[in-house]
């Protein structure tokens, strides 16, 4: 059984590299993906898998 994960949000901040230091100074925001984008990704994935199985 395959499990497909679809992201529901992105974390945005000013950091350019994910280095492991000085994060206490960084303000991050969680930006939720729209339902429309997630549904398009889900349907595309479903249709591709449906075609592969036939």
PDB file of N, CA and C in Angstrom:
ATOM      1  N   UNK A   1       0.841  -1.177   0.000  1.00  0.00           N
ATOM      2  CA  UNK A   1       0.000   0.000   0.000  1.00  0.00           C
ATOM      3  C   UNK A   1       0.891   1.247   0.000  1.00  0.00           C
ATOM      4  N   UNK A   2       0.552   2.178  -0.851  1.00  0.00           N
ATOM      5  CA  UNK A   2       1.297   3.434  -0.941  1.00  0.00           C
ATOM      6  C   UNK A   2       0.545   4.512  -0.169  1.00  0.00           C
ATOM      7  N   UNK A   3       1.277   5.306   0.566  1.00  0.00           N
ATOM      8  CA  UNK A   3       0.685   6.434   1.280  1.00  0.00           C
ATOM      9  C   UNK A   3       1.229   7.703   0.655  1.00  0.00           C
ATOM     10  N   UNK A   4       0.350   8.558   0.187  1.00  0.00           N
ATOM     11  CA  UNK A   4       0.748   9.813  -0.458  1.00  0.00           C
ATOM     12  C   UNK A   4       0.470  10.959   0.503  1.00  0.00           C
ATOM     13  N   UNK A   5       1.488  11.739   0.820  1.00  0.00           N
ATOM     14  CA  UNK A   5       1.339  12.906   1.680  1.00  0.00           C
ATOM     15  C   UNK A   5       1.275  14.154   0.818  1.00  0.00           C
ATOM     16  N   UNK A   6       0.332  15.012   1.128  1.00  0.00           N
ATOM     17  CA  UNK A   6       0.179  16.270   0.417  1.00  0.00           C
ATOM     18  C   UNK A   6       0.388  17.395   1.430  1.00  0.00           C
ATOM     19  N   UNK A   7       1.334  18.294   1.168  1.00  0.00           N
ATOM     20  CA  UNK A   7       1.595  19.362   2.139  1.00  0.00           C
ATOM     21  C   UNK A   7       0.387  20.265   2.317  1.00  0.00           C
ATOM     22  N   UNK A   8       0.176  20.687   3.559  1.00  0.00           N
ATOM     23  CA  UNK A   8      -0.944  21.583   3.846  1.00  0.00           C
ATOM     24  C   UNK A   8      -0.465  22.978   4.222  1.00  0.00           C
ATOM     25  N   UNK A   9       0.852  23.146   4.382  1.00  0.00           N
ATOM     26  CA  UNK A   9       1.378  24.450   4.777  1.00  0.00           C
ATOM     27  C   UNK A   9       2.859  24.546   4.429  1.00  0.00           C
ATOM     28  N   UNK A  10       3.364  25.796   4.443  1.00  0.00           N
ATOM     29  CA  UNK A  10       4.787  26.067   4.253  1.00  0.00           C
ATOM     30  C   UNK A  10       5.241  26.970   5.391  1.00  0.00           C
ATOM     31  N   UNK A  11       6.486  26.802   5.789  1.00  0.00           N
ATOM     32  CA  UNK A  11       7.073  27.700   6.785  1.00  0.00           C
ATOM     33  C   UNK A  11       7.933  28.702   6.038  1.00  0.00           C
ATOM     34  N   UNK A  12       7.680  29.988   6.275  1.00  0.00           N
ATOM     35  CA  UNK A  12       8.432  31.041   5.593  1.00  0.00           C
ATOM     36  C   UNK A  12       9.167  31.889   6.621  1.00  0.00           C
ATOM     37  N   UNK A  13      10.409  32.252   6.265  1.00  0.00           N
ATOM     38  CA  UNK A  13      11.191  33.173   7.078  1.00  0.00           C
ATOM     39  C   UNK A  13      12.302  33.753   6.214  1.00  0.00           C
ATOM     40  N   UNK A  14      13.156  34.544   6.814  1.00  0.00           N
ATOM     41  CA  UNK A  14      14.197  35.240   6.049  1.00  0.00           C
ATOM     42  C   UNK A  14      15.464  34.405   5.850  1.00  0.00           C
ATOM     43  N   UNK A  15      15.553  33.236   6.474  1.00  0.00           N
ATOM     44  CA  UNK A  15      16.755  32.416   6.351  1.00  0.00           C
ATOM     45  C   UNK A  15      16.878  31.853   4.942  1.00  0.00           C
ATOM     46  N   UNK A  16      18.080  31.850   4.423  1.00  0.00           N
ATOM     47  CA  UNK A  16      18.346  31.310   3.088  1.00  0.00           C
ATOM     48  C   UNK A  16      18.868  29.876   3.150  1.00  0.00           C
ATOM     49  N   UNK A  17      19.505  29.502   4.260  1.00  0.00           N
ATOM     50  CA  UNK A  17      20.011  28.140   4.426  1.00  0.00           C
ATOM     51  C   UNK A  17      19.505  27.583   5.756  1.00  0.00           C
ATOM     52  N   UNK A  18      19.240  26.292   5.804  1.00  0.00           N
ATOM     53  CA  UNK A  18      18.710  25.695   7.045  1.00  0.00           C
ATOM     54  C   UNK A  18      19.805  25.307   8.041  1.00  0.00           C
ATOM     55  N   UNK A  19      20.747  26.200   8.255  1.00  0.00           N
ATOM     56  CA  UNK A  19      21.817  25.908   9.208  1.00  0.00           C
ATOM     57  C   UNK A  19      21.236  25.762  10.604  1.00  0.00           C
ATOM     58  N   UNK A  20      21.972  25.074  11.445  1.00  0.00           N
ATOM     59  CA  UNK A  20      21.453  24.705  12.757  1.00  0.00           C
ATOM     60  C   UNK A  20      21.938  25.642  13.867  1.00  0.00           C
ATOM     61  N   UNK A  21      21.831  26.959  13.635  1.00  0.00           N
ATOM     62  CA  UNK A  21      22.278  27.897  14.667  1.00  0.00           C
ATOM     63  C   UNK A  21      21.514  29.219  14.597  1.00  0.00           C
ATOM     64  N   UNK A  22      21.396  29.887  15.711  1.00  0.00           N
ATOM     65  CA  UNK A  22      20.828  31.231  15.851  1.00  0.00           C
ATOM     66  C   UNK A  22      19.379  31.368  15.368  1.00  0.00           C
ATOM     67  N   UNK A  23      18.586  30.343  15.543  1.00  0.00           N
ATOM     68  CA  UNK A  23      17.183  30.411  15.118  1.00  0.00           C
ATOM     69  C   UNK A  23      16.327  31.252  16.059  1.00  0.00           C
ATOM     70  N   UNK A  24      16.805  31.501  17.270  1.00  0.00           N
ATOM     71  CA  UNK A  24      15.991  32.286  18.219  1.00  0.00           C
ATOM     72  C   UNK A  24      15.748  33.715  17.745  1.00  0.00           C
ATOM     73  N   UNK A  25      16.569  34.193  16.836  1.00  0.00           N
ATOM     74  CA  UNK A  25      16.426  35.555  16.296  1.00  0.00           C
ATOM     75  C   UNK A  25      15.473  35.615  15.094  1.00  0.00           C
ATOM     76  N   UNK A  26      15.081  34.465  14.556  1.00  0.00           N
ATOM     77  CA  UNK A  26      14.313  34.408  13.312  1.00  0.00           C
ATOM     78  C   UNK A  26      12.816  34.298  13.596  1.00  0.00           C
ATOM     79  N   UNK A  27      12.044  35.132  12.925  1.00  0.00           N
ATOM     80  CA  UNK A  27      10.584  35.042  13.002  1.00  0.00           C
ATOM     81  C   UNK A  27      10.106  34.248  11.794  1.00  0.00           C
ATOM     82  N   UNK A  28       9.360  33.194  12.061  1.00  0.00           N
ATOM     83  CA  UNK A  28       8.834  32.345  10.987  1.00  0.00           C
ATOM     84  C   UNK A  28       7.319  32.438  10.960  1.00  0.00           C
ATOM     85  N   UNK A  29       6.761  32.248   9.770  1.00  0.00           N
ATOM     86  CA  UNK A  29       5.312  32.240   9.605  1.00  0.00           C
ATOM     87  C   UNK A  29       4.908  30.924   8.956  1.00  0.00           C
ATOM     88  N   UNK A  30       3.772  30.388   9.385  1.00  0.00           N
ATOM     89  CA  UNK A  30       3.224  29.194   8.754  1.00  0.00           C
ATOM     90  C   UNK A  30       2.145  29.665   7.793  1.00  0.00           C
ATOM     91  N   UNK A  31       2.345  29.356   6.510  1.00  0.00           N
ATOM     92  CA  UNK A  31       1.399  29.772   5.469  1.00  0.00           C
ATOM     93  C   UNK A  31       0.632  28.544   4.995  1.00  0.00           C
ATOM     94  N   UNK A  32      -0.672  28.514   5.264  1.00  0.00           N
ATOM     95  CA  UNK A  32      -1.490  27.380   4.868  1.00  0.00           C
ATOM     96  C   UNK A  32      -1.713  27.378   3.369  1.00  0.00           C
ATOM     97  N   UNK A  33      -1.645  26.203   2.767  1.00  0.00           N
ATOM     98  CA  UNK A  33      -1.956  26.062   1.347  1.00  0.00           C
ATOM     99  C   UNK A  33      -3.469  26.153   1.176  1.00  0.00           C
ATOM    100  N   UNK A  34      -3.875  26.608   0.033  1.00  0.00           N
ATOM    101  CA  UNK A  34      -5.306  26.693  -0.208  1.00  0.00           C
ATOM    102  C   UNK A  34      -5.864  25.311  -0.519  1.00  0.00           C
ATOM    103  N   UNK A  35      -7.114  25.116  -0.229  1.00  0.00           N
ATOM    104  CA  UNK A  35      -7.767  23.844  -0.496  1.00  0.00           C
ATOM    105  C   UNK A  35      -7.753  23.531  -1.987  1.00  0.00           C
ATOM    106  N   UNK A  36      -7.884  24.557  -2.816  1.00  0.00           N
ATOM    107  CA  UNK A  36      -7.892  24.361  -4.270  1.00  0.00           C
ATOM    108  C   UNK A  36      -6.579  23.754  -4.754  1.00  0.00           C
ATOM    109  N   UNK A  37      -5.458  24.255  -4.268  1.00  0.00           N
ATOM    110  CA  UNK A  37      -4.150  23.727  -4.674  1.00  0.00           C
ATOM    111  C   UNK A  37      -4.003  22.280  -4.223  1.00  0.00           C
ATOM    112  N   UNK A  38      -4.391  21.990  -2.982  1.00  0.00           N
ATOM    113  CA  UNK A  38      -4.271  20.622  -2.484  1.00  0.00           C
ATOM    114  C   UNK A  38      -5.170  19.664  -3.250  1.00  0.00           C
ATOM    115  N   UNK A  39      -6.370  20.087  -3.604  1.00  0.00           N
ATOM    116  CA  UNK A  39      -7.271  19.223  -4.358  1.00  0.00           C
ATOM    117  C   UNK A  39      -6.724  18.958  -5.757  1.00  0.00           C
ATOM    118  N   UNK A  40      -6.136  19.948  -6.385  1.00  0.00           N
ATOM    119  CA  UNK A  40      -5.546  19.742  -7.711  1.00  0.00           C
ATOM    120  C   UNK A  40      -4.408  18.724  -7.640  1.00  0.00           C
ATOM    121  N   UNK A  41      -3.549  18.842  -6.628  1.00  0.00           N
ATOM    122  CA  UNK A  41      -2.447  17.891  -6.465  1.00  0.00           C
ATOM    123  C   UNK A  41      -2.982  16.490  -6.214  1.00  0.00           C
ATOM    124  N   UNK A  42      -3.998  16.382  -5.361  1.00  0.00           N
ATOM    125  CA  UNK A  42      -4.568  15.086  -5.050  1.00  0.00           C
ATOM    126  C   UNK A  42      -5.187  14.441  -6.287  1.00  0.00           C
ATOM    127  N   UNK A  43      -5.973  15.211  -7.018  1.00  0.00           N
ATOM    128  CA  UNK A  43      -6.630  14.669  -8.208  1.00  0.00           C
ATOM    129  C   UNK A  43      -5.616  14.272  -9.278  1.00  0.00           C
ATOM    130  N   UNK A  44      -4.587  15.074  -9.455  1.00  0.00           N
ATOM    131  CA  UNK A  44      -3.555  14.744 -10.426  1.00  0.00           C
ATOM    132  C   UNK A  44      -2.863  13.436 -10.042  1.00  0.00           C
ATOM    133  N   UNK A  45      -2.506  13.309  -8.790  1.00  0.00           N
ATOM    134  CA  UNK A  45      -1.869  12.079  -8.307  1.00  0.00           C
ATOM    135  C   UNK A  45      -2.807  10.886  -8.498  1.00  0.00           C
ATOM    136  N   UNK A  46      -4.072  11.051  -8.171  1.00  0.00           N
ATOM    137  CA  UNK A  46      -5.053   9.973  -8.313  1.00  0.00           C
ATOM    138  C   UNK A  46      -5.202   9.555  -9.777  1.00  0.00           C
ATOM    139  N   UNK A  47      -5.311  10.511 -10.666  1.00  0.00           N
ATOM    140  CA  UNK A  47      -5.485  10.196 -12.087  1.00  0.00           C
ATOM    141  C   UNK A  47      -4.256   9.517 -12.679  1.00  0.00           C
ATOM    142  N   UNK A  48      -3.080   9.948 -12.281  1.00  0.00           N
ATOM    143  CA  UNK A  48      -1.852   9.318 -12.769  1.00  0.00           C
ATOM    144  C   UNK A  48      -1.798   7.865 -12.305  1.00  0.00           C
ATOM    145  N   UNK A  49      -2.102   7.637 -11.033  1.00  0.00           N
ATOM    146  CA  UNK A  49      -2.074   6.261 -10.506  1.00  0.00           C
ATOM    147  C   UNK A  49      -3.162   5.410 -11.142  1.00  0.00           C
ATOM    148  N   UNK A  50      -4.305   5.981 -11.427  1.00  0.00           N
ATOM    149  CA  UNK A  50      -5.384   5.255 -12.073  1.00  0.00           C
ATOM    150  C   UNK A  50      -4.955   4.799 -13.461  1.00  0.00           C
ATOM    151  N   UNK A  51      -4.275   5.675 -14.195  1.00  0.00           N
ATOM    152  CA  UNK A  51      -3.786   5.325 -15.529  1.00  0.00           C
ATOM    153  C   UNK A  51      -2.694   4.268 -15.481  1.00  0.00           C
ATOM    154  N   UNK A  52      -1.865   4.304 -14.456  1.00  0.00           N
ATOM    155  CA  UNK A  52      -0.788   3.330 -14.349  1.00  0.00           C
ATOM    156  C   UNK A  52      -1.313   1.940 -14.025  1.00  0.00           C
ATOM    157  N   UNK A  53      -2.446   1.868 -13.362  1.00  0.00           N
ATOM    158  CA  UNK A  53      -2.998   0.580 -12.962  1.00  0.00           C
ATOM    159  C   UNK A  53      -3.784  -0.093 -14.082  1.00  0.00           C
ATOM    160  N   UNK A  54      -4.176   0.663 -15.098  1.00  0.00           N
ATOM    161  CA  UNK A  54      -4.970   0.070 -16.189  1.00  0.00           C
ATOM    162  C   UNK A  54      -4.106  -0.349 -17.337  1.00  0.00           C
TER     163      UNK A  54
END
